[in-house]
Amino acid sequence: QTETRMGKQWSKLNTCSSVAHDVYITRHGTRIDNGPDSDPYWLQKAGHDREDDPHLSDSGETGALELARHLAQVTPPVQHIVSSPFTRAMQTATAVATELDLPIKVEPGICEVLWHWPTKCLDTTRLLHEFSLIDQTYTPVMQPHELVHEPEEAMAAERAEKVALAVRDKLEGPVLFVSHGAPSLGLVGAFGHRWQYIGYTSLTHFERNGNKWALKGAFNDVGHLGDKQTSLNSANGKPPRRANQ
């Protein structure tokens, strides 16, 4: 089963002379509660009361599929998909996991900023029921009980930054992180970039050169998306200052 899960990626890996430690970072697709095809009545139709856990809109699902097809062509190939447990991130990760024949490692430490507290989005039993591609052998760097209320975006960014570095050290081979707006500030910060938002289903790629990280290609790349402007718009905004600044 492990060999099957490596699927399409294995032949690419055999062409590499050494294991790469590249990092790919993306943000979930367009949410049902905002964007060009939002639905103000989504929660009444969703069948749950998790107001902080909107699913993808139709355009968000399209973006996730476009991202997945693009990731099937990147080099070095993704070996690990690490996702926030929120539904919109898991749906985006599932599109990629299906395309790449890889499982999803659920990491609460890169979840959305926790304005709503306590959140109902971290129930692993529910996740296993809804998402069949979860890697049940993966032990998260940050457990759900370690999370706290976060009234500021900077808190989520700093939390995700620390977790991302620990995940990168823990796993061998290229990693894709699937996260959210505020945590993505910390994700790009972990690998040497200033805090800057990334857009829906965009892609940002970092590679390690010795002891340093470097951006490879364009930051917040949207070239693979049909609707580039919605993604770019979602990356607008001035990021918060770090807590110690």
C-alpha atoms as a PDB file:
ATOM      1  CA  GLN A   1       0.000   0.000   0.000  1.00  0.00           C
ATOM      2  CA  THR A   2       2.917   2.372   0.709  1.00  0.00           C
ATOM      3  CA  GLU A   3       4.249   1.840  -2.792  1.00  0.00           C
ATOM      4  CA  THR A   4       0.790   2.492  -4.243  1.00  0.00           C
ATOM      5  CA  ARG A   5       0.506   5.727  -2.243  1.00  0.00           C
ATOM      6  CA  MET A   6       3.823   6.939  -3.658  1.00  0.00           C
ATOM      7  CA  GLY A   7       2.298   6.260  -7.083  1.00  0.00           C
ATOM      8  CA  LYS A   8       3.077   8.859  -9.712  1.00  0.00           C
ATOM      9  CA  GLN A   9       5.807  10.485  -7.634  1.00  0.00           C
ATOM     10  CA  TRP A  10       8.120   7.463  -7.328  1.00  0.00           C
ATOM     11  CA  SER A  11       9.511   7.545 -10.859  1.00  0.00           C
ATOM     12  CA  LYS A  12      10.449  11.214 -10.431  1.00  0.00           C
ATOM     13  CA  LEU A  13      12.162  10.544  -7.117  1.00  0.00           C
ATOM     14  CA  ASN A  14      14.349   7.882  -8.690  1.00  0.00           C
ATOM     15  CA  THR A  15      15.825  10.532 -10.991  1.00  0.00           C
ATOM     16  CA  CYS A  16      17.101  12.586  -8.039  1.00  0.00           C
ATOM     17  CA  SER A  17      20.658  11.955  -6.894  1.00  0.00           C
ATOM     18  CA  SER A  18      19.896  13.054  -3.323  1.00  0.00           C
ATOM     19  CA  VAL A  19      16.853  13.749  -1.210  1.00  0.00           C
ATOM     20  CA  ALA A  20      15.579  17.289  -1.657  1.00  0.00           C
ATOM     21  CA  HIS A  21      14.240  19.323   1.240  1.00  0.00           C
ATOM     22  CA  ASP A  22      12.165  21.785  -0.754  1.00  0.00           C
ATOM     23  CA  VAL A  23       9.061  23.391   0.688  1.00  0.00           C
ATOM     24  CA  TYR A  24       5.897  24.286  -1.227  1.00  0.00           C
ATOM     25  CA  ILE A  25       3.290  26.508   0.414  1.00  0.00           C
ATOM     26  CA  THR A  26      -0.295  27.065  -0.654  1.00  0.00           C
ATOM     27  CA  ARG A  27      -3.502  28.437   0.775  1.00  0.00           C
ATOM     28  CA  HIS A  28      -6.879  26.730   0.542  1.00  0.00           C
ATOM     29  CA  GLY A  29      -9.226  27.543  -2.330  1.00  0.00           C
ATOM     30  CA  THR A  30     -11.917  30.214  -2.382  1.00  0.00           C
ATOM     31  CA  ARG A  31     -14.331  29.898   0.544  1.00  0.00           C
ATOM     32  CA  ILE A  32     -18.091  29.544   0.230  1.00  0.00           C
ATOM     33  CA  ASP A  33     -18.584  32.556   2.518  1.00  0.00           C
ATOM     34  CA  ASN A  34     -16.684  35.033   0.319  1.00  0.00           C
ATOM     35  CA  GLY A  35     -15.341  35.393  -3.201  1.00  0.00           C
ATOM     36  CA  PRO A  36     -17.060  35.570  -6.592  1.00  0.00           C
ATOM     37  CA  ASP A  37     -19.532  32.743  -5.948  1.00  0.00           C
ATOM     38  CA  SER A  38     -20.161  33.067  -2.223  1.00  0.00           C
ATOM     39  CA  ASP A  39     -23.413  31.933  -0.618  1.00  0.00           C
ATOM     40  CA  PRO A  40     -24.662  33.973   2.379  1.00  0.00           C
ATOM     41  CA  TYR A  41     -26.833  31.036   3.428  1.00  0.00           C
ATOM     42  CA  TRP A  42     -24.060  28.467   3.349  1.00  0.00           C
ATOM     43  CA  LEU A  43     -24.204  27.628   7.069  1.00  0.00           C
ATOM     44  CA  GLN A  44     -27.912  26.868   6.977  1.00  0.00           C
ATOM     45  CA  LYS A  45     -27.263  24.447   4.125  1.00  0.00           C
ATOM     46  CA  ALA A  46     -24.070  22.895   5.516  1.00  0.00           C
ATOM     47  CA  GLY A  47     -25.658  20.545   8.035  1.00  0.00           C
ATOM     48  CA  HIS A  48     -23.373  21.639  10.896  1.00  0.00           C
ATOM     49  CA  ASP A  49     -22.884  24.630  13.188  1.00  0.00           C
ATOM     50  CA  ARG A  50     -19.168  25.262  12.603  1.00  0.00           C
ATOM     51  CA  GLU A  51     -19.399  28.906  11.554  1.00  0.00           C
ATOM     52  CA  ASP A  52     -15.590  29.187  11.440  1.00  0.00           C
ATOM     53  CA  ASP A  53     -15.293  26.205   9.097  1.00  0.00           C
ATOM     54  CA  PRO A  54     -16.703  27.156   5.673  1.00  0.00           C
ATOM     55  CA  HIS A  55     -16.094  24.725   2.832  1.00  0.00           C
ATOM     56  CA  LEU A  56     -14.854  25.551  -0.649  1.00  0.00           C
ATOM     57  CA  SER A  57     -17.085  27.266  -3.180  1.00  0.00           C
ATOM     58  CA  ASP A  58     -17.334  25.878  -6.714  1.00  0.00           C
ATOM     59  CA  SER A  59     -14.565  28.234  -7.806  1.00  0.00           C
ATOM     60  CA  GLY A  60     -12.497  27.092  -4.833  1.00  0.00           C
ATOM     61  CA  GLU A  61     -12.830  23.480  -5.939  1.00  0.00           C
ATOM     62  CA  THR A  62     -11.775  24.469  -9.445  1.00  0.00           C
ATOM     63  CA  GLY A  63      -8.709  26.232  -8.086  1.00  0.00           C
ATOM     64  CA  ALA A  64      -7.803  23.193  -5.996  1.00  0.00           C
ATOM     65  CA  LEU A  65      -7.926  20.968  -9.070  1.00  0.00           C
ATOM     66  CA  GLU A  66      -5.802  23.421 -11.061  1.00  0.00           C
ATOM     67  CA  LEU A  67      -3.276  23.497  -8.231  1.00  0.00           C
ATOM     68  CA  ALA A  68      -3.237  19.696  -8.088  1.00  0.00           C
ATOM     69  CA  ARG A  69      -2.534  19.365 -11.807  1.00  0.00           C
ATOM     70  CA  HIS A  70       0.244  21.932 -11.531  1.00  0.00           C
ATOM     71  CA  LEU A  71       1.840  20.150  -8.576  1.00  0.00           C
ATOM     72  CA  ALA A  72       1.926  16.921 -10.576  1.00  0.00           C
ATOM     73  CA  GLN A  73       4.495  18.627 -12.812  1.00  0.00           C
ATOM     74  CA  VAL A  74       6.806  20.305 -10.296  1.00  0.00           C
ATOM     75  CA  THR A  75      10.377  19.268  -9.588  1.00  0.00           C
ATOM     76  CA  PRO A  76      11.383  18.082  -7.100  1.00  0.00           C
ATOM     77  CA  PRO A  77       8.068  16.279  -6.611  1.00  0.00           C
ATOM     78  CA  VAL A  78       6.070  16.638  -3.434  1.00  0.00           C
ATOM     79  CA  GLN A  79       6.488  13.687  -1.068  1.00  0.00           C
ATOM     80  CA  HIS A  80       4.424  14.905   1.885  1.00  0.00           C
ATOM     81  CA  ILE A  81       1.146  16.836   2.022  1.00  0.00           C
ATOM     82  CA  VAL A  82       0.725  18.559   5.387  1.00  0.00           C
ATOM     83  CA  SER A  83      -2.646  20.226   5.910  1.00  0.00           C
ATOM     84  CA  SER A  84      -4.593  22.292   8.392  1.00  0.00           C
ATOM     85  CA  PRO A  85      -7.578  20.313   9.746  1.00  0.00           C
ATOM     86  CA  PHE A  86     -10.116  22.952   8.665  1.00  0.00           C
ATOM     87  CA  THR A  87     -12.503  21.711   5.985  1.00  0.00           C
ATOM     88  CA  ARG A  88     -11.470  24.164   3.249  1.00  0.00           C
ATOM     89  CA  ALA A  89      -7.805  23.210   3.653  1.00  0.00           C
ATOM     90  CA  MET A  90      -8.575  19.496   3.771  1.00  0.00           C
ATOM     91  CA  GLN A  91     -10.660  19.747   0.593  1.00  0.00           C
ATOM     92  CA  THR A  92      -7.785  21.514  -1.149  1.00  0.00           C
ATOM     93  CA  ALA A  93      -5.285  18.962   0.160  1.00  0.00           C
ATOM     94  CA  THR A  94      -7.553  16.124  -0.965  1.00  0.00           C
ATOM     95  CA  ALA A  95      -7.532  17.376  -4.555  1.00  0.00           C
ATOM     96  CA  VAL A  96      -3.728  17.348  -4.494  1.00  0.00           C
ATOM     97  CA  ALA A  97      -3.499  14.027  -2.667  1.00  0.00           C
ATOM     98  CA  THR A  98      -5.775  12.387  -5.221  1.00  0.00           C
ATOM     99  CA  GLU A  99      -3.708  13.709  -8.114  1.00  0.00           C
ATOM    100  CA  LEU A 100      -0.360  12.736  -6.571  1.00  0.00           C
ATOM    101  CA  ASP A 101      -1.369   9.445  -4.926  1.00  0.00           C
ATOM    102  CA  LEU A 102      -0.207  10.640  -1.514  1.00  0.00           C
ATOM    103  CA  PRO A 103      -1.843  10.629   1.934  1.00  0.00           C
ATOM    104  CA  ILE A 104      -2.593  13.792   3.921  1.00  0.00           C
ATOM    105  CA  LYS A 105      -0.769  14.507   7.160  1.00  0.00           C
ATOM    106  CA  VAL A 106      -3.105  16.557   9.356  1.00  0.00           C
ATOM    107  CA  GLU A 107      -1.223  19.197  11.349  1.00  0.00           C
ATOM    108  CA  PRO A 108      -3.280  21.300  13.800  1.00  0.00           C
ATOM    109  CA  GLY A 109      -0.275  23.592  14.236  1.00  0.00           C
ATOM    110  CA  ILE A 110      -0.854  25.221  10.840  1.00  0.00           C
ATOM    111  CA  CYS A 111      -4.607  25.714  11.301  1.00  0.00           C
ATOM    112  CA  GLU A 112      -6.512  28.967  10.832  1.00  0.00           C
ATOM    113  CA  VAL A 113      -6.145  31.803  13.347  1.00  0.00           C
ATOM    114  CA  LEU A 114      -8.310  30.799  16.300  1.00  0.00           C
ATOM    115  CA  TRP A 115     -10.544  33.822  16.734  1.00  0.00           C
ATOM    116  CA  HIS A 116     -13.462  31.498  17.500  1.00  0.00           C
ATOM    117  CA  TRP A 117     -12.733  29.614  20.699  1.00  0.00           C
ATOM    118  CA  PRO A 118     -13.177  26.851  21.430  1.00  0.00           C
ATOM    119  CA  THR A 119     -13.275  25.700  17.824  1.00  0.00           C
ATOM    120  CA  LYS A 120     -15.113  22.585  16.660  1.00  0.00           C
ATOM    121  CA  CYS A 121     -12.814  22.081  13.675  1.00  0.00           C
ATOM    122  CA  LEU A 122     -10.207  19.830  15.284  1.00  0.00           C
ATOM    123  CA  ASP A 123     -12.301  16.704  15.825  1.00  0.00           C
ATOM    124  CA  THR A 124     -10.108  13.932  14.408  1.00  0.00           C
ATOM    125  CA  THR A 125     -12.962  11.424  14.445  1.00  0.00           C
ATOM    126  CA  ARG A 126     -15.016  13.668  12.193  1.00  0.00           C
ATOM    127  CA  LEU A 127     -12.058  14.280   9.911  1.00  0.00           C
ATOM    128  CA  LEU A 128     -11.450  10.553   9.465  1.00  0.00           C
ATOM    129  CA  HIS A 129     -15.119  10.102   8.586  1.00  0.00           C
ATOM    130  CA  GLU A 130     -15.097  12.886   5.993  1.00  0.00           C
ATOM    131  CA  PHE A 131     -11.601  12.516   4.482  1.00  0.00           C
ATOM    132  CA  SER A 132     -10.419   9.027   3.591  1.00  0.00           C
ATOM    133  CA  LEU A 133      -6.866   9.977   2.550  1.00  0.00           C
ATOM    134  CA  ILE A 134      -5.631  10.944   6.020  1.00  0.00           C
ATOM    135  CA  ASP A 135      -2.315   9.403   7.046  1.00  0.00           C
ATOM    136  CA  GLN A 136      -3.180   7.853  10.402  1.00  0.00           C
ATOM    137  CA  THR A 137       0.489   7.046  11.107  1.00  0.00           C
ATOM    138  CA  TYR A 138       1.454  10.716  11.281  1.00  0.00           C
ATOM    139  CA  THR A 139       1.941  12.262  14.723  1.00  0.00           C
ATOM    140  CA  PRO A 140       1.349  16.033  14.614  1.00  0.00           C
ATOM    141  CA  VAL A 141       3.987  18.417  15.901  1.00  0.00           C
ATOM    142  CA  MET A 142       1.237  20.301  17.733  1.00  0.00           C
ATOM    143  CA  GLN A 143      -1.697  18.436  19.255  1.00  0.00           C
ATOM    144  CA  PRO A 144      -5.179  20.015  19.339  1.00  0.00           C
ATOM    145  CA  HIS A 145      -5.084  20.394  23.132  1.00  0.00           C
ATOM    146  CA  GLU A 146      -1.968  22.562  22.816  1.00  0.00           C
ATOM    147  CA  LEU A 147      -3.777  25.237  20.792  1.00  0.00           C
ATOM    148  CA  VAL A 148      -5.106  28.372  22.489  1.00  0.00           C
ATOM    149  CA  HIS A 149      -7.405  31.268  21.711  1.00  0.00           C
ATOM    150  CA  GLU A 150      -5.721  33.674  19.266  1.00  0.00           C
ATOM    151  CA  PRO A 151      -7.269  37.172  19.196  1.00  0.00           C
ATOM    152  CA  GLU A 152      -4.560  38.424  16.814  1.00  0.00           C
ATOM    153  CA  GLU A 153      -3.288  37.162  13.452  1.00  0.00           C
ATOM    154  CA  ALA A 154       0.320  37.525  14.581  1.00  0.00           C
ATOM    155  CA  MET A 155      -0.226  34.797  17.173  1.00  0.00           C
ATOM    156  CA  ALA A 156      -1.303  32.328  14.487  1.00  0.00           C
ATOM    157  CA  ALA A 157       1.578  33.325  12.234  1.00  0.00           C
ATOM    158  CA  GLU A 158       4.170  32.803  14.953  1.00  0.00           C
ATOM    159  CA  ARG A 159       2.615  29.484  15.958  1.00  0.00           C
ATOM    160  CA  ALA A 160       2.649  28.235  12.341  1.00  0.00           C
ATOM    161  CA  GLU A 161       6.226  29.407  11.829  1.00  0.00           C
ATOM    162  CA  LYS A 162       7.532  27.301  14.698  1.00  0.00           C
ATOM    163  CA  VAL A 163       5.483  24.273  13.699  1.00  0.00           C
ATOM    164  CA  ALA A 164       6.536  24.473  10.037  1.00  0.00           C
ATOM    165  CA  LEU A 165      10.212  24.341  10.938  1.00  0.00           C
ATOM    166  CA  ALA A 166       9.606  21.342  13.198  1.00  0.00           C
ATOM    167  CA  VAL A 167       7.626  19.561  10.465  1.00  0.00           C
ATOM    168  CA  ARG A 168      10.374  20.272   7.926  1.00  0.00           C
ATOM    169  CA  ASP A 169      12.971  18.746  10.256  1.00  0.00           C
ATOM    170  CA  LYS A 170      10.747  15.767  10.956  1.00  0.00           C
ATOM    171  CA  LEU A 171      10.012  14.703   7.369  1.00  0.00           C
ATOM    172  CA  GLU A 172      12.343  13.587   4.608  1.00  0.00           C
ATOM    173  CA  GLY A 173      11.737  14.873   1.105  1.00  0.00           C
ATOM    174  CA  PRO A 174       9.788  17.825  -0.330  1.00  0.00           C
ATOM    175  CA  VAL A 175       6.810  19.022   1.714  1.00  0.00           C
ATOM    176  CA  LEU A 176       3.631  20.832   0.661  1.00  0.00           C
ATOM    177  CA  PHE A 177       1.914  22.895   3.365  1.00  0.00           C
ATOM    178  CA  VAL A 178      -1.808  23.644   2.879  1.00  0.00           C
ATOM    179  CA  SER A 179      -2.894  26.384   5.228  1.00  0.00           C
ATOM    180  CA  HIS A 180      -4.676  29.764   5.570  1.00  0.00           C
ATOM    181  CA  GLY A 181      -4.068  33.488   5.316  1.00  0.00           C
ATOM    182  CA  ALA A 182      -2.673  34.359   8.750  1.00  0.00           C
ATOM    183  CA  PRO A 183      -0.696  31.126   9.298  1.00  0.00           C
ATOM    184  CA  SER A 184       0.807  31.468   5.803  1.00  0.00           C
ATOM    185  CA  LEU A 185       2.615  34.580   7.031  1.00  0.00           C
ATOM    186  CA  GLY A 186       4.507  32.354   9.431  1.00  0.00           C
ATOM    187  CA  LEU A 187       4.981  29.593   6.885  1.00  0.00           C
ATOM    188  CA  VAL A 188       6.804  31.864   4.442  1.00  0.00           C
ATOM    189  CA  GLY A 189       8.618  33.480   7.362  1.00  0.00           C
ATOM    190  CA  ALA A 190       9.913  30.117   8.518  1.00  0.00           C
ATOM    191  CA  PHE A 191      11.796  29.735   5.248  1.00  0.00           C
ATOM    192  CA  GLY A 192      13.440  33.120   5.081  1.00  0.00           C
ATOM    193  CA  HIS A 193      10.815  35.400   3.534  1.00  0.00           C
ATOM    194  CA  ARG A 194       9.310  38.484   5.146  1.00  0.00           C
ATOM    195  CA  TRP A 195       5.750  38.089   6.369  1.00  0.00           C
ATOM    196  CA  GLN A 196       3.536  38.427   3.302  1.00  0.00           C
ATOM    197  CA  TYR A 197       0.120  36.988   2.488  1.00  0.00           C
ATOM    198  CA  ILE A 198      -0.334  34.371  -0.222  1.00  0.00           C
ATOM    199  CA  GLY A 199      -3.482  33.936  -2.305  1.00  0.00           C
ATOM    200  CA  TYR A 200      -6.000  31.143  -2.698  1.00  0.00           C
ATOM    201  CA  THR A 201      -4.432  28.026  -4.314  1.00  0.00           C
ATOM    202  CA  SER A 202      -1.325  29.986  -5.280  1.00  0.00           C
ATOM    203  CA  LEU A 203       2.057  28.298  -4.958  1.00  0.00           C
ATOM    204  CA  THR A 204       5.254  29.495  -3.316  1.00  0.00           C
ATOM    205  CA  HIS A 205       8.377  27.340  -3.486  1.00  0.00           C
ATOM    206  CA  PHE A 206      11.470  27.467  -1.264  1.00  0.00           C
ATOM    207  CA  GLU A 207      14.655  25.445  -1.634  1.00  0.00           C
ATOM    208  CA  ARG A 208      17.478  24.982   0.818  1.00  0.00           C
ATOM    209  CA  ASN A 209      20.977  26.035  -0.189  1.00  0.00           C
ATOM    210  CA  GLY A 210      23.318  24.841   2.528  1.00  0.00           C
ATOM    211  CA  ASN A 211      22.012  26.314   5.767  1.00  0.00           C
ATOM    212  CA  LYS A 212      19.889  28.970   4.091  1.00  0.00           C
ATOM    213  CA  TRP A 213      16.490  28.990   2.429  1.00  0.00           C
ATOM    214  CA  ALA A 214      15.839  30.730  -0.875  1.00  0.00           C
ATOM    215  CA  LEU A 215      12.703  31.506  -2.865  1.00  0.00           C
ATOM    216  CA  LYS A 216      12.583  29.531  -6.101  1.00  0.00           C
ATOM    217  CA  GLY A 217      10.515  31.123  -8.841  1.00  0.00           C
ATOM    218  CA  ALA A 218       7.778  33.652  -8.188  1.00  0.00           C
ATOM    219  CA  PHE A 219       6.344  34.359  -4.767  1.00  0.00           C
ATOM    220  CA  ASN A 220       2.583  33.744  -4.696  1.00  0.00           C
ATOM    221  CA  ASP A 221       2.622  32.194  -8.177  1.00  0.00           C
ATOM    222  CA  VAL A 222      -0.853  32.096  -9.771  1.00  0.00           C
ATOM    223  CA  GLY A 223       0.173  31.146 -13.287  1.00  0.00           C
ATOM    224  CA  HIS A 224      -1.613  27.788 -13.060  1.00  0.00           C
ATOM    225  CA  LEU A 225      -4.984  29.328 -12.144  1.00  0.00           C
ATOM    226  CA  GLY A 226      -7.793  30.259 -14.509  1.00  0.00           C
ATOM    227  CA  ASP A 227      -9.060  32.950 -12.111  1.00  0.00           C
ATOM    228  CA  LYS A 228      -5.837  34.674 -11.163  1.00  0.00           C
ATOM    229  CA  GLN A 229      -7.372  37.928  -9.929  1.00  0.00           C
ATOM    230  CA  THR A 230      -9.447  36.401  -7.108  1.00  0.00           C
ATOM    231  CA  SER A 231      -6.314  34.727  -5.763  1.00  0.00           C
ATOM    232  CA  LEU A 232      -4.263  37.909  -6.042  1.00  0.00           C
ATOM    233  CA  ASN A 233      -7.005  39.909  -4.323  1.00  0.00           C
ATOM    234  CA  SER A 234      -7.004  37.466  -1.396  1.00  0.00           C
ATOM    235  CA  ALA A 235      -3.305  38.174  -0.844  1.00  0.00           C
ATOM    236  CA  ASN A 236      -3.817  41.930  -0.467  1.00  0.00           C
ATOM    237  CA  GLY A 237      -3.503  43.546   2.910  1.00  0.00           C
ATOM    238  CA  LYS A 238      -0.807  44.724   5.267  1.00  0.00           C
ATOM    239  CA  PRO A 239       0.482  41.902   7.468  1.00  0.00           C
ATOM    240  CA  PRO A 240       0.571  42.388  11.238  1.00  0.00           C
ATOM    241  CA  ARG A 241       3.759  43.103  13.123  1.00  0.00           C
ATOM    242  CA  ARG A 242       5.476  40.337  15.035  1.00  0.00           C
ATOM    243  CA  ALA A 243       4.701  40.339  18.721  1.00  0.00           C
ATOM    244  CA  ASN A 244       8.302  41.195  19.633  1.00  0.00           C
ATOM    245  CA  GLN A 245       8.549  44.158  17.229  1.00  0.00           C
END
